[in-house]
Amino acid sequence: MAPAPWYALVLTGTDDRGQPVRVTMDFKLPMSPTGSKIAPAPATAASSPPSPALVSQHASGPVPFQTIYNHIWLPAVLNHKEQVTLLLDTGTAHTLITPDTARRLGLSPTAETPKQTLRVLGGHQVEVPVVLLTSVTVGQTAVQNVPVGVVASFPDILLVDGLLGADILRHFTLTLDYAASRLTLVPQGPQVPSPATLAASRGVVHGPIPLRLGSSHVLVRAVLNGQEPVTLLLDTGASHTLLTPVIARRLGLSPTADAPTKTLNTADGQLRTVPLVMCKTIAVGEAVVEQLPVGITDVDPKAPAVEGLLGVDFLARFTVTLDYGNRQLWLAAPQAISP
């Protein structure tokens, strides 16, 4: 399945003082013309929506994706008709779509639409309406009856239609080959090949690395600077690795007033500016990355056991295989890791 075409519209001219003006706009259009417009319909969802069920037991992939702003942009199809671009986000418990995507599907929320609580970076909670998709298809694999939240995520990234969260991903063993920009999804079951085989497309394989699953989140143990063991949330939707202020103090890495900063987008579209410090080493199993700038911020005060996020700045240096069913992680390094 090809993603929707991207276009660049360039307007050139002169202003009222005769100075040259140039404006560029990037946007996408559907693969084929749409028929008559679908009027927004009341969103419906049962009080206890059915759990997602796998439609296809065939492996899907390799599915091409793009990595932009340290996020994975993945083509998908909703309700067997709407081609969309989703950010693959293991750190988000629930799959989300934008209000515009819901409108195109005829699922615009109303005042009666059920809501659920979404917790984002920093522990902030927002109530989001929930609608029911009949299917979410990635490559040749589909999941049916998927409750999704409707939220204006990443308002500055206009080509994104939502987030693909852990509520769907947990049904698979997934392999992210960042170097080749390819995703492989294998449904959980006896036919799943060895994760070591999936990860070992090239390079040295580190694993299995044990994982913990909590509230659909993936937690992994890491060691910082060769001395401080921590529990990190494995987050393919986080552009940068983050540590809590408590851990930073333990390592003597508390940021100074003149520390460089990075502005991050949270899942509900809010901006959060965090200071950066240099971590000498981060080790996950035997996989080690050196001299990695990490952000310092509270991740979730209500979950003190989570001491940071393991972001794409670490993960993209490997081919990552995440086996939800066996709670194992495999990291394949194509070569010696350098900053």
C-alpha atoms as a PDB file:
ATOM      1  CA  MET A   1       0.000   0.000   0.000  1.00  0.00           C
ATOM      2  CA  ALA A   2       1.431   3.322  -1.057  1.00  0.00           C
ATOM      3  CA  PRO A   3       0.960   6.319   1.234  1.00  0.00           C
ATOM      4  CA  ALA A   4      -1.077   9.288   0.031  1.00  0.00           C
ATOM      5  CA  PRO A   5       0.914  11.468  -2.412  1.00  0.00           C
ATOM      6  CA  TRP A   6       2.755  14.472  -1.012  1.00  0.00           C
ATOM      7  CA  TYR A   7       2.829  17.759  -2.912  1.00  0.00           C
ATOM      8  CA  ALA A   8       4.817  20.968  -2.632  1.00  0.00           C
ATOM      9  CA  LEU A   9       3.017  24.099  -3.821  1.00  0.00           C
ATOM     10  CA  VAL A  10       5.368  27.051  -4.459  1.00  0.00           C
ATOM     11  CA  LEU A  11       3.995  30.568  -4.894  1.00  0.00           C
ATOM     12  CA  THR A  12       6.317  33.307  -6.147  1.00  0.00           C
ATOM     13  CA  GLY A  13       5.702  36.987  -6.809  1.00  0.00           C
ATOM     14  CA  THR A  14       6.408  40.466  -5.476  1.00  0.00           C
ATOM     15  CA  ASP A  15       5.001  42.452  -2.585  1.00  0.00           C
ATOM     16  CA  ASP A  16       3.642  46.030  -2.706  1.00  0.00           C
ATOM     17  CA  ARG A  17       7.225  47.357  -2.515  1.00  0.00           C
ATOM     18  CA  GLY A  18       8.444  45.292  -5.438  1.00  0.00           C
ATOM     19  CA  GLN A  19      10.406  42.841  -3.280  1.00  0.00           C
ATOM     20  CA  PRO A  20      10.407  39.147  -4.285  1.00  0.00           C
ATOM     21  CA  VAL A  21       8.144  36.850  -2.259  1.00  0.00           C
ATOM     22  CA  ARG A  22       8.275  33.039  -2.156  1.00  0.00           C
ATOM     23  CA  VAL A  23       5.910  30.793  -0.167  1.00  0.00           C
ATOM     24  CA  THR A  24       6.093  26.969  -0.031  1.00  0.00           C
ATOM     25  CA  MET A  25       3.286  24.748   1.266  1.00  0.00           C
ATOM     26  CA  ASP A  26       3.544  20.970   1.752  1.00  0.00           C
ATOM     27  CA  PHE A  27       0.343  18.904   1.755  1.00  0.00           C
ATOM     28  CA  LYS A  28      -1.130  15.573   0.683  1.00  0.00           C
ATOM     29  CA  LEU A  29      -4.178  14.516  -1.335  1.00  0.00           C
ATOM     30  CA  PRO A  30      -6.046  11.179  -1.482  1.00  0.00           C
ATOM     31  CA  MET A  31      -4.826   8.533  -3.901  1.00  0.00           C
ATOM     32  CA  SER A  32      -8.167   8.664  -5.753  1.00  0.00           C
ATOM     33  CA  PRO A  33     -10.934  11.282  -5.923  1.00  0.00           C
ATOM     34  CA  THR A  34     -13.491  11.057  -3.164  1.00  0.00           C
ATOM     35  CA  GLY A  35     -17.157  10.552  -3.825  1.00  0.00           C
ATOM     36  CA  SER A  36     -19.921  12.530  -2.229  1.00  0.00           C
ATOM     37  CA  LYS A  37     -18.960  14.003   1.098  1.00  0.00           C
ATOM     38  CA  ILE A  38     -19.879  12.065   4.208  1.00  0.00           C
ATOM     39  CA  ALA A  39     -21.824  14.175   6.653  1.00  0.00           C
ATOM     40  CA  PRO A  40     -20.486  14.012  10.226  1.00  0.00           C
ATOM     41  CA  ALA A  41     -22.370  11.256  12.008  1.00  0.00           C
ATOM     42  CA  PRO A  42     -22.784  10.764  15.736  1.00  0.00           C
ATOM     43  CA  ALA A  43     -19.950   8.597  16.982  1.00  0.00           C
ATOM     44  CA  THR A  44     -21.063   5.379  18.576  1.00  0.00           C
ATOM     45  CA  ALA A  45     -19.249   3.174  21.015  1.00  0.00           C
ATOM     46  CA  ALA A  46     -20.495   0.557  23.412  1.00  0.00           C
ATOM     47  CA  SER A  47     -20.003   1.206  27.114  1.00  0.00           C
ATOM     48  CA  SER A  48     -17.595  -1.749  27.062  1.00  0.00           C
ATOM     49  CA  PRO A  49     -16.225  -1.832  23.500  1.00  0.00           C
ATOM     50  CA  PRO A  50     -15.006  -5.204  22.192  1.00  0.00           C
ATOM     51  CA  SER A  51     -11.336  -5.976  22.496  1.00  0.00           C
ATOM     52  CA  PRO A  52      -9.343  -5.667  19.267  1.00  0.00           C
ATOM     53  CA  ALA A  53      -9.245  -8.982  17.377  1.00  0.00           C
ATOM     54  CA  LEU A  54      -6.746  -9.936  14.711  1.00  0.00           C
ATOM     55  CA  VAL A  55      -8.320 -10.354  11.287  1.00  0.00           C
ATOM     56  CA  SER A  56      -5.215 -11.621   9.501  1.00  0.00           C
ATOM     57  CA  GLN A  57      -2.776 -14.155  10.900  1.00  0.00           C
ATOM     58  CA  HIS A  58      -0.245 -13.436   8.152  1.00  0.00           C
ATOM     59  CA  ALA A  59       2.947 -11.541   8.801  1.00  0.00           C
ATOM     60  CA  SER A  60       2.971  -8.034   7.397  1.00  0.00           C
ATOM     61  CA  GLY A  61       6.077  -6.574   5.954  1.00  0.00           C
ATOM     62  CA  PRO A  62       8.422  -5.250   5.324  1.00  0.00           C
ATOM     63  CA  VAL A  63       6.228  -2.134   5.374  1.00  0.00           C
ATOM     64  CA  PRO A  64       8.121   1.045   4.353  1.00  0.00           C
ATOM     65  CA  PHE A  65       8.062   4.012   6.689  1.00  0.00           C
ATOM     66  CA  GLN A  66       9.693   7.425   6.935  1.00  0.00           C
ATOM     67  CA  THR A  67      11.598   8.815   9.896  1.00  0.00           C
ATOM     68  CA  ILE A  68      10.925  12.536  10.233  1.00  0.00           C
ATOM     69  CA  TYR A  69      11.694  14.625  13.344  1.00  0.00           C
ATOM     70  CA  ASN A  70      12.805  11.322  14.940  1.00  0.00           C
ATOM     71  CA  HIS A  71       9.281   9.917  14.500  1.00  0.00           C
ATOM     72  CA  ILE A  72       8.186   6.906  12.441  1.00  0.00           C
ATOM     73  CA  TRP A  73       5.586   7.945   9.831  1.00  0.00           C
ATOM     74  CA  LEU A  74       3.713   4.814   8.794  1.00  0.00           C
ATOM     75  CA  PRO A  75       1.039   4.351   6.060  1.00  0.00           C
ATOM     76  CA  ALA A  76      -2.185   2.679   7.226  1.00  0.00           C
ATOM     77  CA  VAL A  77      -5.826   2.269   6.172  1.00  0.00           C
ATOM     78  CA  LEU A  78      -8.759   2.917   8.514  1.00  0.00           C
ATOM     79  CA  ASN A  79     -12.144   1.209   8.056  1.00  0.00           C
ATOM     80  CA  HIS A  80     -10.902  -0.340   4.770  1.00  0.00           C
ATOM     81  CA  LYS A  81     -11.177   3.013   2.965  1.00  0.00           C
ATOM     82  CA  GLU A  82      -9.283   5.943   4.495  1.00  0.00           C
ATOM     83  CA  GLN A  83      -5.553   6.071   3.765  1.00  0.00           C
ATOM     84  CA  VAL A  84      -3.706   7.804   6.581  1.00  0.00           C
ATOM     85  CA  THR A  85      -0.255   8.454   7.991  1.00  0.00           C
ATOM     86  CA  LEU A  86       0.210   7.398  11.627  1.00  0.00           C
ATOM     87  CA  LEU A  87       3.112   7.890  14.023  1.00  0.00           C
ATOM     88  CA  LEU A  88       4.163   4.528  15.484  1.00  0.00           C
ATOM     89  CA  ASP A  89       4.263   5.117  19.237  1.00  0.00           C
ATOM     90  CA  THR A  90       4.953   2.309  21.726  1.00  0.00           C
ATOM     91  CA  GLY A  91       4.802   4.907  24.509  1.00  0.00           C
ATOM     92  CA  THR A  92       1.123   5.711  23.890  1.00  0.00           C
ATOM     93  CA  ALA A  93      -1.271   3.213  25.469  1.00  0.00           C
ATOM     94  CA  HIS A  94      -4.145   4.046  23.109  1.00  0.00           C
ATOM     95  CA  THR A  95      -4.324   4.590  19.362  1.00  0.00           C
ATOM     96  CA  LEU A  96      -5.368   8.167  18.537  1.00  0.00           C
ATOM     97  CA  ILE A  97      -6.703   9.956  15.466  1.00  0.00           C
ATOM     98  CA  THR A  98      -7.111  13.656  14.744  1.00  0.00           C
ATOM     99  CA  PRO A  99     -10.525  15.360  14.616  1.00  0.00           C
ATOM    100  CA  ASP A 100     -10.127  15.845  10.854  1.00  0.00           C
ATOM    101  CA  THR A 101      -9.496  12.117  10.357  1.00  0.00           C
ATOM    102  CA  ALA A 102     -12.585  11.289  12.421  1.00  0.00           C
ATOM    103  CA  ARG A 103     -14.625  13.710  10.314  1.00  0.00           C
ATOM    104  CA  ARG A 104     -13.475  12.091   7.057  1.00  0.00           C
ATOM    105  CA  LEU A 105     -14.629   8.736   8.446  1.00  0.00           C
ATOM    106  CA  GLY A 106     -18.013  10.118   9.497  1.00  0.00           C
ATOM    107  CA  LEU A 107     -17.126   9.609  13.175  1.00  0.00           C
ATOM    108  CA  SER A 108     -17.002  13.142  14.524  1.00  0.00           C
ATOM    109  CA  PRO A 109     -17.552  12.993  18.318  1.00  0.00           C
ATOM    110  CA  THR A 110     -20.640  14.527  19.889  1.00  0.00           C
ATOM    111  CA  ALA A 111     -21.473  15.576  23.431  1.00  0.00           C
ATOM    112  CA  GLU A 112     -22.697  12.015  24.103  1.00  0.00           C
ATOM    113  CA  THR A 113     -19.532  10.301  22.859  1.00  0.00           C
ATOM    114  CA  PRO A 114     -17.816   8.245  25.617  1.00  0.00           C
ATOM    115  CA  LYS A 115     -14.516   9.605  26.919  1.00  0.00           C
ATOM    116  CA  GLN A 116     -11.369   8.164  28.414  1.00  0.00           C
ATOM    117  CA  THR A 117      -8.470   9.668  30.316  1.00  0.00           C
ATOM    118  CA  LEU A 118      -5.209  10.148  28.422  1.00  0.00           C
ATOM    119  CA  ARG A 119      -2.053  10.677  30.465  1.00  0.00           C
ATOM    120  CA  VAL A 120       0.831  12.429  28.705  1.00  0.00           C
ATOM    121  CA  LEU A 121       4.408  13.440  29.484  1.00  0.00           C
ATOM    122  CA  GLY A 122       4.634  15.070  32.908  1.00  0.00           C
ATOM    123  CA  GLY A 123       1.586  13.226  34.227  1.00  0.00           C
ATOM    124  CA  HIS A 124      -0.892  15.714  32.732  1.00  0.00           C
ATOM    125  CA  GLN A 125      -4.315  14.130  32.133  1.00  0.00           C
ATOM    126  CA  VAL A 126      -6.847  15.038  29.456  1.00  0.00           C
ATOM    127  CA  GLU A 127     -10.282  13.621  28.678  1.00  0.00           C
ATOM    128  CA  VAL A 128     -10.588  12.549  25.033  1.00  0.00           C
ATOM    129  CA  PRO A 129     -13.666  11.244  23.175  1.00  0.00           C
ATOM    130  CA  VAL A 130     -13.489   7.632  21.985  1.00  0.00           C
ATOM    131  CA  VAL A 131     -14.916   6.324  18.708  1.00  0.00           C
ATOM    132  CA  LEU A 132     -14.901   2.798  17.325  1.00  0.00           C
ATOM    133  CA  LEU A 133     -13.029   1.900  14.126  1.00  0.00           C
ATOM    134  CA  THR A 134     -14.092  -1.261  12.347  1.00  0.00           C
ATOM    135  CA  SER A 135     -10.500  -1.904  11.256  1.00  0.00           C
ATOM    136  CA  VAL A 136      -6.937  -0.605  11.261  1.00  0.00           C
ATOM    137  CA  THR A 137      -4.782  -2.096   8.487  1.00  0.00           C
ATOM    138  CA  VAL A 138      -0.987  -1.897   8.242  1.00  0.00           C
ATOM    139  CA  GLY A 139       0.470  -3.681   5.236  1.00  0.00           C
ATOM    140  CA  GLN A 140      -1.312  -7.045   4.996  1.00  0.00           C
ATOM    141  CA  THR A 141      -2.319  -7.181   8.663  1.00  0.00           C
ATOM    142  CA  ALA A 142      -5.551  -5.778  10.086  1.00  0.00           C
ATOM    143  CA  VAL A 143      -6.971  -5.381  13.587  1.00  0.00           C
ATOM    144  CA  GLN A 144     -10.733  -5.001  13.947  1.00  0.00           C
ATOM    145  CA  ASN A 145     -13.032  -3.268  16.433  1.00  0.00           C
ATOM    146  CA  VAL A 146     -10.498  -0.722  17.671  1.00  0.00           C
ATOM    147  CA  PRO A 147     -11.603   2.005  20.124  1.00  0.00           C
ATOM    148  CA  VAL A 148      -9.513   5.110  19.379  1.00  0.00           C
ATOM    149  CA  GLY A 149      -9.242   8.507  21.012  1.00  0.00           C
ATOM    150  CA  VAL A 150      -9.870  11.691  19.026  1.00  0.00           C
ATOM    151  CA  VAL A 151      -7.295  14.363  19.846  1.00  0.00           C
ATOM    152  CA  ALA A 152      -5.482  17.127  17.965  1.00  0.00           C
ATOM    153  CA  SER A 153      -2.020  15.586  18.264  1.00  0.00           C
ATOM    154  CA  PHE A 154       1.045  17.284  16.836  1.00  0.00           C
ATOM    155  CA  PRO A 155      -0.727  20.368  15.451  1.00  0.00           C
ATOM    156  CA  ASP A 156       2.515  21.613  13.879  1.00  0.00           C
ATOM    157  CA  ILE A 157       2.882  18.425  11.770  1.00  0.00           C
ATOM    158  CA  LEU A 158       0.004  18.740   9.328  1.00  0.00           C
ATOM    159  CA  LEU A 159       0.595  15.494   7.451  1.00  0.00           C
ATOM    160  CA  VAL A 160       0.009  13.233  10.457  1.00  0.00           C
ATOM    161  CA  ASP A 161      -3.439  11.695  10.953  1.00  0.00           C
ATOM    162  CA  GLY A 162      -2.884  10.086  14.359  1.00  0.00           C
ATOM    163  CA  LEU A 163      -0.799   7.779  16.550  1.00  0.00           C
ATOM    164  CA  LEU A 164      -0.603   3.964  16.342  1.00  0.00           C
ATOM    165  CA  GLY A 165      -0.435   2.918  19.994  1.00  0.00           C
ATOM    166  CA  ALA A 166       0.359  -0.075  22.149  1.00  0.00           C
ATOM    167  CA  ASP A 167      -3.264  -1.273  22.239  1.00  0.00           C
ATOM    168  CA  ILE A 168      -2.735  -2.485  18.651  1.00  0.00           C
ATOM    169  CA  LEU A 169       1.002  -3.152  18.691  1.00  0.00           C
ATOM    170  CA  ARG A 170       0.804  -5.540  21.667  1.00  0.00           C
ATOM    171  CA  HIS A 171      -0.793  -8.172  19.387  1.00  0.00           C
ATOM    172  CA  PHE A 172       2.451  -8.495  17.407  1.00  0.00           C
ATOM    173  CA  THR A 173       6.141  -9.110  17.422  1.00  0.00           C
ATOM    174  CA  LEU A 174       7.396  -6.032  15.603  1.00  0.00           C
ATOM    175  CA  THR A 175      10.784  -5.347  14.059  1.00  0.00           C
ATOM    176  CA  LEU A 176      11.893  -1.784  13.289  1.00  0.00           C
ATOM    177  CA  ASP A 177      14.795  -1.581  10.863  1.00  0.00           C
ATOM    178  CA  TYR A 178      15.628   2.110  11.158  1.00  0.00           C
ATOM    179  CA  ALA A 179      18.487   1.955   8.648  1.00  0.00           C
ATOM    180  CA  ALA A 180      16.295   0.441   5.911  1.00  0.00           C
ATOM    181  CA  SER A 181      13.086   2.253   7.035  1.00  0.00           C
ATOM    182  CA  ARG A 182      11.118  -0.991   7.151  1.00  0.00           C
ATOM    183  CA  LEU A 183       8.620  -2.407   9.689  1.00  0.00           C
ATOM    184  CA  THR A 184       7.722  -6.087  10.077  1.00  0.00           C
ATOM    185  CA  LEU A 185       4.643  -7.184  12.067  1.00  0.00           C
ATOM    186  CA  VAL A 186       4.151 -10.833  13.018  1.00  0.00           C
ATOM    187  CA  PRO A 187       0.955 -11.781  14.902  1.00  0.00           C
ATOM    188  CA  GLN A 188       1.477 -13.490  18.238  1.00  0.00           C
ATOM    189  CA  GLY A 189       1.124 -17.266  17.992  1.00  0.00           C
ATOM    190  CA  PRO A 190       2.991 -20.519  17.411  1.00  0.00           C
ATOM    191  CA  GLN A 191       4.000 -19.465  13.895  1.00  0.00           C
ATOM    192  CA  VAL A 192       6.124 -16.548  15.115  1.00  0.00           C
ATOM    193  CA  PRO A 193       9.771 -16.968  13.995  1.00  0.00           C
ATOM    194  CA  SER A 194      12.600 -16.520  16.431  1.00  0.00           C
ATOM    195  CA  PRO A 195      13.003 -12.842  17.431  1.00  0.00           C
ATOM    196  CA  ALA A 196      16.736 -13.358  17.079  1.00  0.00           C
ATOM    197  CA  THR A 197      16.167 -14.206  13.420  1.00  0.00           C
ATOM    198  CA  LEU A 198      13.962 -11.146  12.927  1.00  0.00           C
ATOM    199  CA  ALA A 199      16.513  -8.831  14.538  1.00  0.00           C
ATOM    200  CA  ALA A 200      19.612 -10.304  12.941  1.00  0.00           C
ATOM    201  CA  SER A 201      19.153  -8.918   9.458  1.00  0.00           C
ATOM    202  CA  ARG A 202      22.654  -7.584   9.985  1.00  0.00           C
ATOM    203  CA  GLY A 203      25.144  -6.883  12.729  1.00  0.00           C
ATOM    204  CA  VAL A 204      25.586  -8.138  16.272  1.00  0.00           C
ATOM    205  CA  VAL A 205      22.391  -9.111  18.105  1.00  0.00           C
ATOM    206  CA  HIS A 206      21.952  -8.255  21.780  1.00  0.00           C
ATOM    207  CA  GLY A 207      19.212 -10.178  23.532  1.00  0.00           C
ATOM    208  CA  PRO A 208      16.926 -11.451  24.753  1.00  0.00           C
ATOM    209  CA  ILE A 209      16.521  -8.444  27.041  1.00  0.00           C
ATOM    210  CA  PRO A 210      13.619  -8.942  29.479  1.00  0.00           C
ATOM    211  CA  LEU A 211      10.727  -6.478  29.459  1.00  0.00           C
ATOM    212  CA  ARG A 212       7.876  -5.612  31.773  1.00  0.00           C
ATOM    213  CA  LEU A 213       4.446  -4.651  30.464  1.00  0.00           C
ATOM    214  CA  GLY A 214       2.386  -2.231  32.520  1.00  0.00           C
ATOM    215  CA  SER A 215      -0.876  -0.631  31.351  1.00  0.00           C
ATOM    216  CA  SER A 216       0.174  -1.413  27.751  1.00  0.00           C
ATOM    217  CA  HIS A 217       3.518   0.329  28.295  1.00  0.00           C
ATOM    218  CA  VAL A 218       6.837  -1.415  27.675  1.00  0.00           C
ATOM    219  CA  LEU A 219       9.358  -1.045  30.498  1.00  0.00           C
ATOM    220  CA  VAL A 220      13.023  -1.989  30.176  1.00  0.00           C
ATOM    221  CA  ARG A 221      15.949  -1.887  32.610  1.00  0.00           C
ATOM    222  CA  ALA A 222      18.993   0.186  31.681  1.00  0.00           C
ATOM    223  CA  VAL A 223      22.245   1.185  33.368  1.00  0.00           C
ATOM    224  CA  LEU A 224      23.410   4.804  33.176  1.00  0.00           C
ATOM    225  CA  ASN A 225      27.089   5.773  33.243  1.00  0.00           C
ATOM    226  CA  GLY A 226      27.950   2.211  34.238  1.00  0.00           C
ATOM    227  CA  GLN A 227      26.527   2.680  37.728  1.00  0.00           C
ATOM    228  CA  GLU A 228      22.866   3.672  37.984  1.00  0.00           C
ATOM    229  CA  PRO A 229      20.195   1.034  37.164  1.00  0.00           C
ATOM    230  CA  VAL A 230      16.906   2.588  36.052  1.00  0.00           C
ATOM    231  CA  THR A 231      13.530   1.577  34.620  1.00  0.00           C
ATOM    232  CA  LEU A 232      12.751   3.314  31.320  1.00  0.00           C
ATOM    233  CA  LEU A 233       9.619   3.347  29.197  1.00  0.00           C
ATOM    234  CA  LEU A 234      10.530   2.167  25.684  1.00  0.00           C
ATOM    235  CA  ASP A 235       8.977   4.883  23.540  1.00  0.00           C
ATOM    236  CA  THR A 236       9.247   4.931  19.734  1.00  0.00           C
ATOM    237  CA  GLY A 237       7.172   8.123  19.821  1.00  0.00           C
ATOM    238  CA  ALA A 238       9.738  10.019  21.912  1.00  0.00           C
ATOM    239  CA  SER A 239      12.322  11.808  19.805  1.00  0.00           C
ATOM    240  CA  HIS A 240      14.730  12.091  22.755  1.00  0.00           C
ATOM    241  CA  THR A 241      15.656   9.948  25.737  1.00  0.00           C
ATOM    242  CA  LEU A 242      14.484  11.540  28.985  1.00  0.00           C
ATOM    243  CA  LEU A 243      15.417  11.110  32.652  1.00  0.00           C
ATOM    244  CA  THR A 244      13.661  12.361  35.761  1.00  0.00           C
ATOM    245  CA  PRO A 245      15.276  15.097  37.913  1.00  0.00           C
ATOM    246  CA  VAL A 246      15.728  12.537  40.720  1.00  0.00           C
ATOM    247  CA  ILE A 247      17.883  10.291  38.524  1.00  0.00           C
ATOM    248  CA  ALA A 248      19.814  13.290  37.213  1.00  0.00           C
ATOM    249  CA  ARG A 249      20.696  14.297  40.790  1.00  0.00           C
ATOM    250  CA  ARG A 250      21.865  10.765  41.612  1.00  0.00           C
ATOM    251  CA  LEU A 251      24.229  10.886  38.642  1.00  0.00           C
ATOM    252  CA  GLY A 252      25.383  14.437  39.324  1.00  0.00           C
ATOM    253  CA  LEU A 253      23.782  15.560  36.053  1.00  0.00           C
ATOM    254  CA  SER A 254      21.346  18.207  37.261  1.00  0.00           C
ATOM    255  CA  PRO A 255      21.128  20.828  34.472  1.00  0.00           C
ATOM    256  CA  THR A 256      22.569  24.279  35.026  1.00  0.00           C
ATOM    257  CA  ALA A 257      20.775  27.534  34.248  1.00  0.00           C
ATOM    258  CA  ASP A 258      22.604  27.839  30.915  1.00  0.00           C
ATOM    259  CA  ALA A 259      22.035  24.215  29.829  1.00  0.00           C
ATOM    260  CA  PRO A 260      20.832  23.767  26.213  1.00  0.00           C
ATOM    261  CA  THR A 261      17.137  22.990  25.827  1.00  0.00           C
ATOM    262  CA  LYS A 262      14.860  21.003  23.510  1.00  0.00           C
ATOM    263  CA  THR A 263      11.163  21.611  22.824  1.00  0.00           C
ATOM    264  CA  LEU A 264       9.080  18.425  22.644  1.00  0.00           C
ATOM    265  CA  ASN A 265       5.523  17.699  21.500  1.00  0.00           C
ATOM    266  CA  THR A 266       3.319  15.669  23.845  1.00  0.00           C
ATOM    267  CA  ALA A 267       0.579  13.322  22.632  1.00  0.00           C
ATOM    268  CA  ASP A 268      -2.120  15.933  23.259  1.00  0.00           C
ATOM    269  CA  GLY A 269      -0.318  18.505  21.102  1.00  0.00           C
ATOM    270  CA  GLN A 270       1.218  20.539  23.932  1.00  0.00           C
ATOM    271  CA  LEU A 271       4.790  21.867  23.785  1.00  0.00           C
ATOM    272  CA  ARG A 272       7.230  21.102  26.598  1.00  0.00           C
ATOM    273  CA  THR A 273      10.755  22.584  26.831  1.00  0.00           C
ATOM    274  CA  VAL A 274      13.319  20.449  28.678  1.00  0.00           C
ATOM    275  CA  PRO A 275      17.003  21.060  29.540  1.00  0.00           C
ATOM    276  CA  LEU A 276      19.624  18.694  28.098  1.00  0.00           C
ATOM    277  CA  VAL A 277      22.606  17.082  29.818  1.00  0.00           C
ATOM    278  CA  MET A 278      25.217  14.651  28.501  1.00  0.00           C
ATOM    279  CA  CYS A 279      24.972  11.021  29.615  1.00  0.00           C
ATOM    280  CA  LYS A 280      28.277   9.178  29.198  1.00  0.00           C
ATOM    281  CA  THR A 281      26.740   5.752  28.586  1.00  0.00           C
ATOM    282  CA  ILE A 282      23.325   4.130  28.417  1.00  0.00           C
ATOM    283  CA  ALA A 283      23.389   0.325  28.445  1.00  0.00           C
ATOM    284  CA  VAL A 284      20.352  -1.844  27.685  1.00  0.00           C
ATOM    285  CA  GLY A 285      21.508  -5.401  28.104  1.00  0.00           C
ATOM    286  CA  GLU A 286      24.833  -5.485  26.277  1.00  0.00           C
ATOM    287  CA  ALA A 287      23.835  -2.746  23.844  1.00  0.00           C
ATOM    288  CA  VAL A 288      25.586   0.514  24.753  1.00  0.00           C
ATOM    289  CA  VAL A 289      25.319   4.045  23.375  1.00  0.00           C
ATOM    290  CA  GLU A 290      27.901   6.612  24.442  1.00  0.00           C
ATOM    291  CA  GLN A 291      27.731  10.398  24.870  1.00  0.00           C
ATOM    292  CA  LEU A 292      23.977  10.788  24.417  1.00  0.00           C
ATOM    293  CA  PRO A 293      22.291  14.137  25.252  1.00  0.00           C
ATOM    294  CA  VAL A 294      19.229  13.394  27.386  1.00  0.00           C
ATOM    295  CA  GLY A 295      16.383  15.628  28.519  1.00  0.00           C
ATOM    296  CA  ILE A 296      15.606  16.143  32.204  1.00  0.00           C
ATOM    297  CA  THR A 297      11.923  16.327  33.133  1.00  0.00           C
ATOM    298  CA  ASP A 298       9.238  14.625  35.203  1.00  0.00           C
ATOM    299  CA  VAL A 299       7.851  11.752  33.162  1.00  0.00           C
ATOM    300  CA  ASP A 300       4.859  10.805  35.316  1.00  0.00           C
ATOM    301  CA  PRO A 301       4.775  11.749  39.024  1.00  0.00           C
ATOM    302  CA  LYS A 302       2.004   9.171  39.574  1.00  0.00           C
ATOM    303  CA  ALA A 303       4.272   6.390  38.273  1.00  0.00           C
ATOM    304  CA  PRO A 304       7.511   6.860  40.261  1.00  0.00           C
ATOM    305  CA  ALA A 305       8.805   3.450  39.134  1.00  0.00           C
ATOM    306  CA  VAL A 306       9.219   4.905  35.617  1.00  0.00           C
ATOM    307  CA  GLU A 307      12.473   6.857  35.744  1.00  0.00           C
ATOM    308  CA  GLY A 308      12.642   8.045  32.150  1.00  0.00           C
ATOM    309  CA  LEU A 309      11.898   7.362  28.493  1.00  0.00           C
ATOM    310  CA  LEU A 310      14.138   5.427  26.100  1.00  0.00           C
ATOM    311  CA  GLY A 311      13.681   7.422  22.904  1.00  0.00           C
ATOM    312  CA  VAL A 312      14.455   7.196  19.211  1.00  0.00           C
ATOM    313  CA  ASP A 313      17.860   8.881  19.609  1.00  0.00           C
ATOM    314  CA  PHE A 314      18.911   5.599  21.285  1.00  0.00           C
ATOM    315  CA  LEU A 315      16.701   3.102  19.431  1.00  0.00           C
ATOM    316  CA  ALA A 316      17.454   4.299  15.885  1.00  0.00           C
ATOM    317  CA  ARG A 317      21.051   3.089  16.220  1.00  0.00           C
ATOM    318  CA  PHE A 318      19.762  -0.502  16.169  1.00  0.00           C
ATOM    319  CA  THR A 319      17.377  -2.834  14.418  1.00  0.00           C
ATOM    320  CA  VAL A 320      14.783  -3.220  17.173  1.00  0.00           C
ATOM    321  CA  THR A 321      12.642  -6.334  17.671  1.00  0.00           C
ATOM    322  CA  LEU A 322       9.946  -6.025  20.316  1.00  0.00           C
ATOM    323  CA  ASP A 323       8.253  -9.297  21.277  1.00  0.00           C
ATOM    324  CA  TYR A 324       5.179  -8.376  23.322  1.00  0.00           C
ATOM    325  CA  GLY A 325       4.035 -11.985  23.786  1.00  0.00           C
ATOM    326  CA  ASN A 326       7.290 -13.230  25.351  1.00  0.00           C
ATOM    327  CA  ARG A 327       8.176  -9.846  26.873  1.00  0.00           C
ATOM    328  CA  GLN A 328      11.565  -9.703  25.229  1.00  0.00           C
ATOM    329  CA  LEU A 329      13.605  -7.085  23.374  1.00  0.00           C
ATOM    330  CA  TRP A 330      16.321  -7.670  20.790  1.00  0.00           C
ATOM    331  CA  LEU A 331      18.737  -4.995  19.571  1.00  0.00           C
ATOM    332  CA  ALA A 332      20.883  -5.611  16.477  1.00  0.00           C
ATOM    333  CA  ALA A 333      23.814  -3.222  16.071  1.00  0.00           C
ATOM    334  CA  PRO A 334      25.067  -2.884  12.471  1.00  0.00           C
ATOM    335  CA  GLN A 335      28.431  -1.668  13.725  1.00  0.00           C
ATOM    336  CA  ALA A 336      30.173  -0.295  16.786  1.00  0.00           C
ATOM    337  CA  ILE A 337      28.017   2.383  18.332  1.00  0.00           C
ATOM    338  CA  SER A 338      29.449   5.872  18.268  1.00  0.00           C
ATOM    339  CA  PRO A 339      27.914   9.213  19.187  1.00  0.00           C
END
